[in-house]
Amino acid sequence: MDGHIHGNVVAEGEGRSVLILSEHGRIEGEVRVPQVVLNGTVIGDVHASERVELASKARVTGNVYYNLIEMAIGAEVNGSLVHRTRTAEAEASAPADAPAPASPEPVAGGNS
């Protein structure tokens, strides 16, 4: 993408979506895409459940949540880099009112 987006960029579904932001691209909002390749500017948090690649002209003002990350010399992140596994990412994006997973029943031991 070479343009300017004022709003969130969210990949829906379980697909293997990829966002590629050129050095002329700018996003002002949150990014939630499994694979992200940045060489432009993002003002907002970046959430990538699979991979983030920050090229030399990438500028992120916000936190970057990633499973795998590649960062070139010259890339800039003004925020935190937070490693997350795919499981942690799925739990973080689950609705707050979703029921908690059931715990297994304890197994009675010993002789009766």
PDB file of N, CA and C in Angstrom:
ATOM      1  N   MET A   1       0.826  -1.162   0.000  1.00  0.00           N
ATOM      2  CA  MET A   1       0.000   0.000   0.000  1.00  0.00           C
ATOM      3  C   MET A   1       0.879   1.237   0.000  1.00  0.00           C
ATOM      4  N   ASP A   2       0.534   2.194  -0.843  1.00  0.00           N
ATOM      5  CA  ASP A   2       1.307   3.433  -0.949  1.00  0.00           C
ATOM      6  C   ASP A   2       0.580   4.635  -0.370  1.00  0.00           C
ATOM      7  N   GLY A   3      -0.700   4.497  -0.015  1.00  0.00           N
ATOM      8  CA  GLY A   3      -1.514   5.640   0.383  1.00  0.00           C
ATOM      9  C   GLY A   3      -1.530   5.899   1.874  1.00  0.00           C
ATOM     10  N   HIS A   4      -2.565   6.637   2.285  1.00  0.00           N
ATOM     11  CA  HIS A   4      -2.751   7.045   3.671  1.00  0.00           C
ATOM     12  C   HIS A   4      -4.085   6.483   4.169  1.00  0.00           C
ATOM     13  N   ILE A   5      -4.052   5.792   5.302  1.00  0.00           N
ATOM     14  CA  ILE A   5      -5.272   5.265   5.919  1.00  0.00           C
ATOM     15  C   ILE A   5      -5.408   5.910   7.289  1.00  0.00           C
ATOM     16  N   HIS A   6      -6.569   6.488   7.534  1.00  0.00           N
ATOM     17  CA  HIS A   6      -6.879   7.025   8.850  1.00  0.00           C
ATOM     18  C   HIS A   6      -7.958   6.137   9.441  1.00  0.00           C
ATOM     19  N   GLY A   7      -7.560   5.120  10.179  1.00  0.00           N
ATOM     20  CA  GLY A   7      -8.468   4.126  10.741  1.00  0.00           C
ATOM     21  C   GLY A   7      -7.727   2.820  10.915  1.00  0.00           C
ATOM     22  N   ASN A   8      -8.401   1.851  11.458  1.00  0.00           N
ATOM     23  CA  ASN A   8      -7.788   0.549  11.740  1.00  0.00           C
ATOM     24  C   ASN A   8      -7.740  -0.326  10.496  1.00  0.00           C
ATOM     25  N   VAL A   9      -6.714  -1.170  10.426  1.00  0.00           N
ATOM     26  CA  VAL A   9      -6.569  -2.157   9.358  1.00  0.00           C
ATOM     27  C   VAL A   9      -6.626  -3.520  10.028  1.00  0.00           C
ATOM     28  N   VAL A  10      -7.689  -4.282   9.733  1.00  0.00           N
ATOM     29  CA  VAL A  10      -7.906  -5.563  10.402  1.00  0.00           C
ATOM     30  C   VAL A  10      -8.178  -6.637   9.360  1.00  0.00           C
ATOM     31  N   ALA A  11      -7.422  -7.735   9.416  1.00  0.00           N
ATOM     32  CA  ALA A  11      -7.676  -8.890   8.551  1.00  0.00           C
ATOM     33  C   ALA A  11      -8.695  -9.760   9.256  1.00  0.00           C
ATOM     34  N   GLU A  12      -9.771 -10.106   8.555  1.00  0.00           N
ATOM     35  CA  GLU A  12     -10.817 -10.929   9.144  1.00  0.00           C
ATOM     36  C   GLU A  12     -10.630 -12.385   8.758  1.00  0.00           C
ATOM     37  N   GLY A  13     -11.137 -13.278   9.599  1.00  0.00           N
ATOM     38  CA  GLY A  13     -11.065 -14.702   9.305  1.00  0.00           C
ATOM     39  C   GLY A  13      -9.717 -15.285   9.683  1.00  0.00           C
ATOM     40  N   GLU A  14      -9.571 -16.546   9.354  1.00  0.00           N
ATOM     41  CA  GLU A  14      -8.371 -17.296   9.713  1.00  0.00           C
ATOM     42  C   GLU A  14      -7.388 -17.401   8.551  1.00  0.00           C
ATOM     43  N   GLY A  15      -7.522 -16.576   7.534  1.00  0.00           N
ATOM     44  CA  GLY A  15      -6.665 -16.651   6.358  1.00  0.00           C
ATOM     45  C   GLY A  15      -5.235 -16.241   6.636  1.00  0.00           C
ATOM     46  N   ARG A  16      -4.437 -16.267   5.616  1.00  0.00           N
ATOM     47  CA  ARG A  16      -3.027 -15.895   5.727  1.00  0.00           C
ATOM     48  C   ARG A  16      -2.819 -14.513   5.116  1.00  0.00           C
ATOM     49  N   SER A  17      -3.526 -13.535   5.626  1.00  0.00           N
ATOM     50  CA  SER A  17      -3.464 -12.180   5.106  1.00  0.00           C
ATOM     51  C   SER A  17      -2.094 -11.559   5.337  1.00  0.00           C
ATOM     52  N   VAL A  18      -1.699 -10.698   4.388  1.00  0.00           N
ATOM     53  CA  VAL A  18      -0.421  -9.989   4.459  1.00  0.00           C
ATOM     54  C   VAL A  18      -0.677  -8.520   4.169  1.00  0.00           C
ATOM     55  N   LEU A  19      -0.119  -7.647   4.979  1.00  0.00           N
ATOM     56  CA  LEU A  19      -0.144  -6.214   4.720  1.00  0.00           C
ATOM     57  C   LEU A  19       1.266  -5.789   4.380  1.00  0.00           C
ATOM     58  N   ILE A  20       1.432  -5.135   3.228  1.00  0.00           N
ATOM     59  CA  ILE A  20       2.726  -4.580   2.832  1.00  0.00           C
ATOM     60  C   ILE A  20       2.544  -3.076   2.704  1.00  0.00           C
ATOM     61  N   LEU A  21       3.272  -2.322   3.506  1.00  0.00           N
ATOM     62  CA  LEU A  21       3.195  -0.866   3.520  1.00  0.00           C
ATOM     63  C   LEU A  21       4.503  -0.314   2.973  1.00  0.00           C
ATOM     64  N   SER A  22       4.425   0.395   1.841  1.00  0.00           N
ATOM     65  CA  SER A  22       5.633   0.935   1.216  1.00  0.00           C
ATOM     66  C   SER A  22       6.176   2.122   2.011  1.00  0.00           C
ATOM     67  N   GLU A  23       7.339   2.593   1.625  1.00  0.00           N
ATOM     68  CA  GLU A  23       7.953   3.721   2.328  1.00  0.00           C
ATOM     69  C   GLU A  23       7.118   4.995   2.212  1.00  0.00           C
ATOM     70  N   HIS A  24       6.194   5.063   1.255  1.00  0.00           N
ATOM     71  CA  HIS A  24       5.326   6.230   1.093  1.00  0.00           C
ATOM     72  C   HIS A  24       3.979   6.046   1.795  1.00  0.00           C
ATOM     73  N   GLY A  25       3.739   4.865   2.347  1.00  0.00           N
ATOM     74  CA  GLY A  25       2.461   4.568   2.998  1.00  0.00           C
ATOM     75  C   GLY A  25       2.430   5.043   4.436  1.00  0.00           C
ATOM     76  N   ARG A  26       1.215   5.337   4.909  1.00  0.00           N
ATOM     77  CA  ARG A  26       1.035   5.813   6.285  1.00  0.00           C
ATOM     78  C   ARG A  26      -0.318   5.303   6.804  1.00  0.00           C
ATOM     79  N   ILE A  27      -0.294   4.735   8.008  1.00  0.00           N
ATOM     80  CA  ILE A  27      -1.516   4.266   8.662  1.00  0.00           C
ATOM     81  C   ILE A  27      -1.594   4.946  10.020  1.00  0.00           C
ATOM     82  N   GLU A  28      -2.720   5.591  10.275  1.00  0.00           N
ATOM     83  CA  GLU A  28      -2.987   6.180  11.582  1.00  0.00           C
ATOM     84  C   GLU A  28      -4.124   5.380  12.197  1.00  0.00           C
ATOM     85  N   GLY A  29      -3.775   4.351  12.923  1.00  0.00           N
ATOM     86  CA  GLY A  29      -4.742   3.447  13.521  1.00  0.00           C
ATOM     87  C   GLY A  29      -4.066   2.131  13.851  1.00  0.00           C
ATOM     88  N   GLU A  30      -4.827   1.240  14.427  1.00  0.00           N
ATOM     89  CA  GLU A  30      -4.313  -0.061  14.827  1.00  0.00           C
ATOM     90  C   GLU A  30      -4.251  -1.010  13.631  1.00  0.00           C
ATOM     91  N   VAL A  31      -3.219  -1.840  13.598  1.00  0.00           N
ATOM     92  CA  VAL A  31      -3.052  -2.848  12.547  1.00  0.00           C
ATOM     93  C   VAL A  31      -3.144  -4.223  13.199  1.00  0.00           C
ATOM     94  N   ARG A  32      -4.039  -5.085  12.654  1.00  0.00           N
ATOM     95  CA  ARG A  32      -4.182  -6.476  13.126  1.00  0.00           C
ATOM     96  C   ARG A  32      -4.225  -7.381  11.907  1.00  0.00           C
ATOM     97  N   VAL A  33      -3.044  -7.851  11.508  1.00  0.00           N
ATOM     98  CA  VAL A  33      -2.895  -8.689  10.319  1.00  0.00           C
ATOM     99  C   VAL A  33      -1.870  -9.768  10.662  1.00  0.00           C
ATOM    100  N   PRO A  34      -2.094 -11.027  10.237  1.00  0.00           N
ATOM    101  CA  PRO A  34      -1.147 -12.093  10.589  1.00  0.00           C
ATOM    102  C   PRO A  34       0.300 -11.827  10.152  1.00  0.00           C
ATOM    103  N   GLN A  35       0.474 -11.314   8.940  1.00  0.00           N
ATOM    104  CA  GLN A  35       1.824 -11.035   8.442  1.00  0.00           C
ATOM    105  C   GLN A  35       1.897  -9.577   8.003  1.00  0.00           C
ATOM    106  N   VAL A  36       2.890  -8.856   8.530  1.00  0.00           N
ATOM    107  CA  VAL A  36       3.016  -7.425   8.270  1.00  0.00           C
ATOM    108  C   VAL A  36       4.428  -7.133   7.790  1.00  0.00           C
ATOM    109  N   VAL A  37       4.517  -6.407   6.663  1.00  0.00           N
ATOM    110  CA  VAL A  37       5.801  -5.936   6.144  1.00  0.00           C
ATOM    111  C   VAL A  37       5.690  -4.419   6.067  1.00  0.00           C
ATOM    112  N   LEU A  38       6.490  -3.726   6.875  1.00  0.00           N
ATOM    113  CA  LEU A  38       6.410  -2.271   6.942  1.00  0.00           C
ATOM    114  C   LEU A  38       7.688  -1.621   6.452  1.00  0.00           C
ATOM    115  N   ASN A  39       7.520  -0.603   5.611  1.00  0.00           N
ATOM    116  CA  ASN A  39       8.626   0.263   5.237  1.00  0.00           C
ATOM    117  C   ASN A  39       8.162   1.712   5.302  1.00  0.00           C
ATOM    118  N   GLY A  40       6.935   1.923   5.780  1.00  0.00           N
ATOM    119  CA  GLY A  40       6.358   3.248   5.918  1.00  0.00           C
ATOM    120  C   GLY A  40       6.096   3.556   7.384  1.00  0.00           C
ATOM    121  N   THR A  41       5.072   4.383   7.636  1.00  0.00           N
ATOM    122  CA  THR A  41       4.785   4.879   8.975  1.00  0.00           C
ATOM    123  C   THR A  41       3.463   4.326   9.501  1.00  0.00           C
ATOM    124  N   VAL A  42       3.485   3.860  10.745  1.00  0.00           N
ATOM    125  CA  VAL A  42       2.265   3.447  11.441  1.00  0.00           C
ATOM    126  C   VAL A  42       2.223   4.193  12.765  1.00  0.00           C
ATOM    127  N   ILE A  43       1.109   4.900  12.974  1.00  0.00           N
ATOM    128  CA  ILE A  43       0.881   5.557  14.255  1.00  0.00           C
ATOM    129  C   ILE A  43      -0.252   4.786  14.916  1.00  0.00           C
ATOM    130  N   GLY A  44       0.110   3.855  15.766  1.00  0.00           N
ATOM    131  CA  GLY A  44      -0.836   2.954  16.415  1.00  0.00           C
ATOM    132  C   GLY A  44      -0.156   1.623  16.665  1.00  0.00           C
ATOM    133  N   ASP A  45      -0.809   0.763  17.397  1.00  0.00           N
ATOM    134  CA  ASP A  45      -0.244  -0.549  17.708  1.00  0.00           C
ATOM    135  C   ASP A  45      -0.319  -1.472  16.491  1.00  0.00           C
ATOM    136  N   VAL A  46       0.673  -2.356  16.393  1.00  0.00           N
ATOM    137  CA  VAL A  46       0.729  -3.357  15.324  1.00  0.00           C
ATOM    138  C   VAL A  46       0.652  -4.730  15.986  1.00  0.00           C
ATOM    139  N   HIS A  47      -0.330  -5.532  15.567  1.00  0.00           N
ATOM    140  CA  HIS A  47      -0.521  -6.891  16.092  1.00  0.00           C
ATOM    141  C   HIS A  47      -0.361  -7.850  14.920  1.00  0.00           C
ATOM    142  N   ALA A  48       0.665  -8.694  14.970  1.00  0.00           N
ATOM    143  CA  ALA A  48       0.896  -9.683  13.913  1.00  0.00           C
ATOM    144  C   ALA A  48       1.008 -11.049  14.567  1.00  0.00           C
ATOM    145  N   SER A  49       0.031 -11.920  14.303  1.00  0.00           N
ATOM    146  CA  SER A  49       0.021 -13.230  14.947  1.00  0.00           C
ATOM    147  C   SER A  49       1.093 -14.159  14.392  1.00  0.00           C
ATOM    148  N   GLU A  50       1.615 -13.845  13.201  1.00  0.00           N
ATOM    149  CA  GLU A  50       2.645 -14.700  12.610  1.00  0.00           C
ATOM    150  C   GLU A  50       3.997 -13.996  12.517  1.00  0.00           C
ATOM    151  N   ARG A  51       4.077 -12.903  11.752  1.00  0.00           N
ATOM    152  CA  ARG A  51       5.387 -12.344  11.439  1.00  0.00           C
ATOM    153  C   ARG A  51       5.300 -10.846  11.193  1.00  0.00           C
ATOM    154  N   VAL A  52       6.318 -10.117  11.665  1.00  0.00           N
ATOM    155  CA  VAL A  52       6.484  -8.695  11.363  1.00  0.00           C
ATOM    156  C   VAL A  52       7.853  -8.508  10.749  1.00  0.00           C
ATOM    157  N   GLU A  53       7.888  -7.803   9.629  1.00  0.00           N
ATOM    158  CA  GLU A  53       9.162  -7.411   9.020  1.00  0.00           C
ATOM    159  C   GLU A  53       9.193  -5.894   8.979  1.00  0.00           C
ATOM    160  N   LEU A  54      10.194  -5.308   9.647  1.00  0.00           N
ATOM    161  CA  LEU A  54      10.366  -3.866   9.651  1.00  0.00           C
ATOM    162  C   LEU A  54      11.557  -3.530   8.769  1.00  0.00           C
ATOM    163  N   ALA A  55      11.287  -2.938   7.612  1.00  0.00           N
ATOM    164  CA  ALA A  55      12.343  -2.568   6.672  1.00  0.00           C
ATOM    165  C   ALA A  55      13.026  -1.285   7.163  1.00  0.00           C
ATOM    166  N   SER A  56      14.054  -0.858   6.472  1.00  0.00           N
ATOM    167  CA  SER A  56      14.909   0.226   6.956  1.00  0.00           C
ATOM    168  C   SER A  56      14.208   1.565   7.146  1.00  0.00           C
ATOM    169  N   LYS A  57      13.116   1.826   6.430  1.00  0.00           N
ATOM    170  CA  LYS A  57      12.431   3.109   6.570  1.00  0.00           C
ATOM    171  C   LYS A  57      11.140   2.993   7.379  1.00  0.00           C
ATOM    172  N   ALA A  58      10.934   1.863   8.041  1.00  0.00           N
ATOM    173  CA  ALA A  58       9.737   1.663   8.866  1.00  0.00           C
ATOM    174  C   ALA A  58       9.807   2.564  10.097  1.00  0.00           C
ATOM    175  N   ARG A  59       8.666   3.181  10.411  1.00  0.00           N
ATOM    176  CA  ARG A  59       8.530   4.020  11.601  1.00  0.00           C
ATOM    177  C   ARG A  59       7.215   3.648  12.275  1.00  0.00           C
ATOM    178  N   VAL A  60       7.296   3.129  13.501  1.00  0.00           N
ATOM    179  CA  VAL A  60       6.102   2.748  14.248  1.00  0.00           C
ATOM    180  C   VAL A  60       6.081   3.548  15.538  1.00  0.00           C
ATOM    181  N   THR A  61       4.985   4.278  15.742  1.00  0.00           N
ATOM    182  CA  THR A  61       4.753   4.969  17.007  1.00  0.00           C
ATOM    183  C   THR A  61       3.620   4.211  17.688  1.00  0.00           C
ATOM    184  N   GLY A  62       3.989   3.284  18.518  1.00  0.00           N
ATOM    185  CA  GLY A  62       3.045   2.392  19.181  1.00  0.00           C
ATOM    186  C   GLY A  62       3.746   1.093  19.501  1.00  0.00           C
ATOM    187  N   ASN A  63       3.034   0.182  20.098  1.00  0.00           N
ATOM    188  CA  ASN A  63       3.595  -1.115  20.462  1.00  0.00           C
ATOM    189  C   ASN A  63       3.494  -2.085  19.292  1.00  0.00           C
ATOM    190  N   VAL A  64       4.465  -2.985  19.205  1.00  0.00           N
ATOM    191  CA  VAL A  64       4.474  -4.020  18.165  1.00  0.00           C
ATOM    192  C   VAL A  64       4.368  -5.372  18.869  1.00  0.00           C
ATOM    193  N   TYR A  65       3.273  -6.088  18.598  1.00  0.00           N
ATOM    194  CA  TYR A  65       3.027  -7.417  19.141  1.00  0.00           C
ATOM    195  C   TYR A  65       3.302  -8.415  18.033  1.00  0.00           C
ATOM    196  N   TYR A  66       4.207  -9.352  18.267  1.00  0.00           N
ATOM    197  CA  TYR A  66       4.666 -10.229  17.193  1.00  0.00           C
ATOM    198  C   TYR A  66       4.908 -11.640  17.697  1.00  0.00           C
ATOM    199  N   ASN A  67       4.908 -12.590  16.752  1.00  0.00           N
ATOM    200  CA  ASN A  67       5.335 -13.952  17.031  1.00  0.00           C
ATOM    201  C   ASN A  67       6.790 -14.089  16.565  1.00  0.00           C
ATOM    202  N   LEU A  68       7.050 -13.691  15.328  1.00  0.00           N
ATOM    203  CA  LEU A  68       8.407 -13.628  14.781  1.00  0.00           C
ATOM    204  C   LEU A  68       8.637 -12.210  14.275  1.00  0.00           C
ATOM    205  N   ILE A  69       9.865 -11.702  14.427  1.00  0.00           N
ATOM    206  CA  ILE A  69      10.143 -10.343  13.968  1.00  0.00           C
ATOM    207  C   ILE A  69      11.483 -10.296  13.255  1.00  0.00           C
ATOM    208  N   GLU A  70      11.530  -9.480  12.207  1.00  0.00           N
ATOM    209  CA  GLU A  70      12.773  -9.185  11.498  1.00  0.00           C
ATOM    210  C   GLU A  70      12.850  -7.674  11.396  1.00  0.00           C
ATOM    211  N   MET A  71      13.970  -7.106  11.829  1.00  0.00           N
ATOM    212  CA  MET A  71      14.090  -5.651  11.878  1.00  0.00           C
ATOM    213  C   MET A  71      15.391  -5.237  11.219  1.00  0.00           C
ATOM    214  N   ALA A  72      15.286  -4.408  10.180  1.00  0.00           N
ATOM    215  CA  ALA A  72      16.471  -3.947   9.454  1.00  0.00           C
ATOM    216  C   ALA A  72      17.097  -2.750  10.164  1.00  0.00           C
ATOM    217  N   ILE A  73      18.356  -2.534   9.894  1.00  0.00           N
ATOM    218  CA  ILE A  73      19.044  -1.357  10.416  1.00  0.00           C
ATOM    219  C   ILE A  73      18.344  -0.117   9.880  1.00  0.00           C
ATOM    220  N   GLY A  74      18.013   0.805  10.764  1.00  0.00           N
ATOM    221  CA  GLY A  74      17.321   2.026  10.375  1.00  0.00           C
ATOM    222  C   GLY A  74      15.850   2.024  10.748  1.00  0.00           C
ATOM    223  N   ALA A  75      15.257   0.847  10.948  1.00  0.00           N
ATOM    224  CA  ALA A  75      13.845   0.775  11.358  1.00  0.00           C
ATOM    225  C   ALA A  75      13.716   1.357  12.764  1.00  0.00           C
ATOM    226  N   GLU A  76      12.553   1.945  13.035  1.00  0.00           N
ATOM    227  CA  GLU A  76      12.359   2.640  14.305  1.00  0.00           C
ATOM    228  C   GLU A  76      11.022   2.259  14.923  1.00  0.00           C
ATOM    229  N   VAL A  77      11.059   1.899  16.210  1.00  0.00           N
ATOM    230  CA  VAL A  77       9.840   1.617  16.960  1.00  0.00           C
ATOM    231  C   VAL A  77       9.856   2.491  18.199  1.00  0.00           C
ATOM    232  N   ASN A  78       8.881   3.380  18.293  1.00  0.00           N
ATOM    233  CA  ASN A  78       8.719   4.231  19.470  1.00  0.00           C
ATOM    234  C   ASN A  78       7.573   3.656  20.291  1.00  0.00           C
ATOM    235  N   GLY A  79       7.880   2.621  21.026  1.00  0.00           N
ATOM    236  CA  GLY A  79       6.916   1.867  21.814  1.00  0.00           C
ATOM    237  C   GLY A  79       7.595   0.587  22.258  1.00  0.00           C
ATOM    238  N   SER A  80       6.812  -0.374  22.644  1.00  0.00           N
ATOM    239  CA  SER A  80       7.355  -1.641  23.132  1.00  0.00           C
ATOM    240  C   SER A  80       7.290  -2.716  22.056  1.00  0.00           C
ATOM    241  N   LEU A  81       8.252  -3.630  22.100  1.00  0.00           N
ATOM    242  CA  LEU A  81       8.215  -4.849  21.300  1.00  0.00           C
ATOM    243  C   LEU A  81       7.753  -5.953  22.243  1.00  0.00           C
ATOM    244  N   VAL A  82       6.627  -6.586  21.923  1.00  0.00           N
ATOM    245  CA  VAL A  82       6.044  -7.580  22.815  1.00  0.00           C
ATOM    246  C   VAL A  82       5.921  -8.904  22.075  1.00  0.00           C
ATOM    247  N   HIS A  83       6.675  -9.908  22.527  1.00  0.00           N
ATOM    248  CA  HIS A  83       6.596 -11.227  21.904  1.00  0.00           C
ATOM    249  C   HIS A  83       5.345 -11.931  22.387  1.00  0.00           C
ATOM    250  N   ARG A  84       4.602 -12.487  21.438  1.00  0.00           N
ATOM    251  CA  ARG A  84       3.395 -13.248  21.759  1.00  0.00           C
ATOM    252  C   ARG A  84       3.364 -14.494  20.904  1.00  0.00           C
ATOM    253  N   THR A  85       3.001 -15.597  21.525  1.00  0.00           N
ATOM    254  CA  THR A  85       2.815 -16.822  20.757  1.00  0.00           C
ATOM    255  C   THR A  85       1.459 -16.742  20.071  1.00  0.00           C
ATOM    256  N   ARG A  86       1.211 -17.617  19.140  1.00  0.00           N
ATOM    257  CA  ARG A  86      -0.092 -17.623  18.465  1.00  0.00           C
ATOM    258  C   ARG A  86      -1.216 -17.884  19.451  1.00  0.00           C
ATOM    259  N   THR A  87      -0.975 -18.716  20.458  1.00  0.00           N
ATOM    260  CA  THR A  87      -1.985 -19.011  21.468  1.00  0.00           C
ATOM    261  C   THR A  87      -2.318 -17.765  22.272  1.00  0.00           C
ATOM    262  N   ALA A  88      -1.303 -17.015  22.683  1.00  0.00           N
ATOM    263  CA  ALA A  88      -1.532 -15.794  23.459  1.00  0.00           C
ATOM    264  C   ALA A  88      -2.277 -14.764  22.630  1.00  0.00           C
ATOM    265  N   GLU A  89      -1.986 -14.675  21.350  1.00  0.00           N
ATOM    266  CA  GLU A  89      -2.672 -13.734  20.457  1.00  0.00           C
ATOM    267  C   GLU A  89      -4.146 -14.092  20.335  1.00  0.00           C
ATOM    268  N   ALA A  90      -4.448 -15.383  20.211  1.00  0.00           N
ATOM    269  CA  ALA A  90      -5.841 -15.827  20.106  1.00  0.00           C
ATOM    270  C   ALA A  90      -6.603 -15.526  21.396  1.00  0.00           C
ATOM    271  N   GLU A  91      -5.969 -15.742  22.543  1.00  0.00           N
ATOM    272  CA  GLU A  91      -6.620 -15.455  23.818  1.00  0.00           C
ATOM    273  C   GLU A  91      -6.857 -13.957  23.985  1.00  0.00           C
ATOM    274  N   ALA A  92      -5.911 -13.134  23.539  1.00  0.00           N
ATOM    275  CA  ALA A  92      -6.036 -11.685  23.675  1.00  0.00           C
ATOM    276  C   ALA A  92      -7.145 -11.133  22.795  1.00  0.00           C
ATOM    277  N   SER A  93      -7.410 -11.780  21.667  1.00  0.00           N
ATOM    278  CA  SER A  93      -8.434 -11.272  20.757  1.00  0.00           C
ATOM    279  C   SER A  93      -9.808 -11.895  20.999  1.00  0.00           C
ATOM    280  N   ALA A  94      -9.906 -12.831  21.958  1.00  0.00           N
ATOM    281  CA  ALA A  94     -11.205 -13.449  22.265  1.00  0.00           C
ATOM    282  C   ALA A  94     -12.095 -12.433  22.961  1.00  0.00           C
ATOM    283  N   PRO A  95     -13.407 -12.463  22.695  1.00  0.00           N
ATOM    284  CA  PRO A  95     -14.325 -11.528  23.355  1.00  0.00           C
ATOM    285  C   PRO A  95     -14.288 -11.693  24.869  1.00  0.00           C
ATOM    286  N   ALA A  96     -14.429 -10.592  25.588  1.00  0.00           N
ATOM    287  CA  ALA A  96     -14.353 -10.620  27.050  1.00  0.00           C
ATOM    288  C   ALA A  96     -15.492 -11.420  27.665  1.00  0.00           C
ATOM    289  N   ASP A  97     -16.644 -11.499  26.991  1.00  0.00           N
ATOM    290  CA  ASP A  97     -17.777 -12.215  27.559  1.00  0.00           C
ATOM    291  C   ASP A  97     -17.819 -13.682  27.162  1.00  0.00           C
ATOM    292  N   ALA A  98     -16.771 -14.159  26.482  1.00  0.00           N
ATOM    293  CA  ALA A  98     -16.718 -15.568  26.095  1.00  0.00           C
ATOM    294  C   ALA A  98     -16.489 -16.419  27.336  1.00  0.00           C
ATOM    295  N   PRO A  99     -17.151 -17.565  27.430  1.00  0.00           N
ATOM    296  CA  PRO A  99     -16.957 -18.418  28.613  1.00  0.00           C
ATOM    297  C   PRO A  99     -15.546 -18.973  28.657  1.00  0.00           C
ATOM    298  N   ALA A 100     -15.040 -19.125  29.861  1.00  0.00           N
ATOM    299  CA  ALA A 100     -13.709 -19.696  30.044  1.00  0.00           C
ATOM    300  C   ALA A 100     -13.755 -21.172  29.705  1.00  0.00           C
ATOM    301  N   PRO A 101     -12.654 -21.728  29.192  1.00  0.00           N
ATOM    302  CA  PRO A 101     -12.647 -23.153  28.888  1.00  0.00           C
ATOM    303  C   PRO A 101     -12.859 -23.976  30.154  1.00  0.00           C
ATOM    304  N   ALA A 102     -13.569 -25.058  30.015  1.00  0.00           N
ATOM    305  CA  ALA A 102     -13.850 -25.909  31.175  1.00  0.00           C
ATOM    306  C   ALA A 102     -12.597 -26.605  31.634  1.00  0.00           C
ATOM    307  N   SER A 103     -12.425 -26.682  32.940  1.00  0.00           N
ATOM    308  CA  SER A 103     -11.293 -27.399  33.512  1.00  0.00           C
ATOM    309  C   SER A 103     -11.644 -28.869  33.574  1.00  0.00           C
ATOM    310  N   PRO A 104     -10.672 -29.742  33.385  1.00  0.00           N
ATOM    311  CA  PRO A 104     -10.981 -31.170  33.501  1.00  0.00           C
ATOM    312  C   PRO A 104     -11.341 -31.494  34.947  1.00  0.00           C
ATOM    313  N   GLU A 105     -12.247 -32.439  35.087  1.00  0.00           N
ATOM    314  CA  GLU A 105     -12.648 -32.881  36.430  1.00  0.00           C
ATOM    315  C   GLU A 105     -11.485 -33.600  37.082  1.00  0.00           C
ATOM    316  N   PRO A 106     -11.302 -33.400  38.395  1.00  0.00           N
ATOM    317  CA  PRO A 106     -10.225 -34.116  39.080  1.00  0.00           C
ATOM    318  C   PRO A 106     -10.508 -35.621  39.067  1.00  0.00           C
ATOM    319  N   VAL A 107      -9.455 -36.379  38.968  1.00  0.00           N
ATOM    320  CA  VAL A 107      -9.569 -37.832  38.941  1.00  0.00           C
ATOM    321  C   VAL A 107      -9.404 -38.342  40.357  1.00  0.00           C
ATOM    322  N   ALA A 108     -10.399 -39.126  40.818  1.00  0.00           N
ATOM    323  CA  ALA A 108     -10.316 -39.703  42.163  1.00  0.00           C
ATOM    324  C   ALA A 108      -9.308 -40.839  42.140  1.00  0.00           C
ATOM    325  N   GLY A 109      -8.446 -40.846  43.109  1.00  0.00           N
ATOM    326  CA  GLY A 109      -7.428 -41.888  43.162  1.00  0.00           C
ATOM    327  C   GLY A 109      -7.593 -42.739  44.416  1.00  0.00           C
ATOM    328  N   GLY A 110      -6.838 -43.764  44.512  1.00  0.00           N
ATOM    329  CA  GLY A 110      -6.867 -44.610  45.696  1.00  0.00           C
ATOM    330  C   GLY A 110      -7.882 -45.734  45.573  1.00  0.00           C
ATOM    331  N   ASN A 111      -7.917 -46.572  46.596  1.00  0.00           N
ATOM    332  CA  ASN A 111      -8.843 -47.702  46.613  1.00  0.00           C
ATOM    333  C   ASN A 111     -10.142 -47.310  47.282  1.00  0.00           C
ATOM    334  N   SER A 112     -11.247 -47.834  46.802  1.00  0.00           N
ATOM    335  CA  SER A 112     -12.558 -47.530  47.399  1.00  0.00           C
ATOM    336  C   SER A 112     -12.916 -48.582  48.400  1.00  0.00           C
TER     337      SER A 112
END
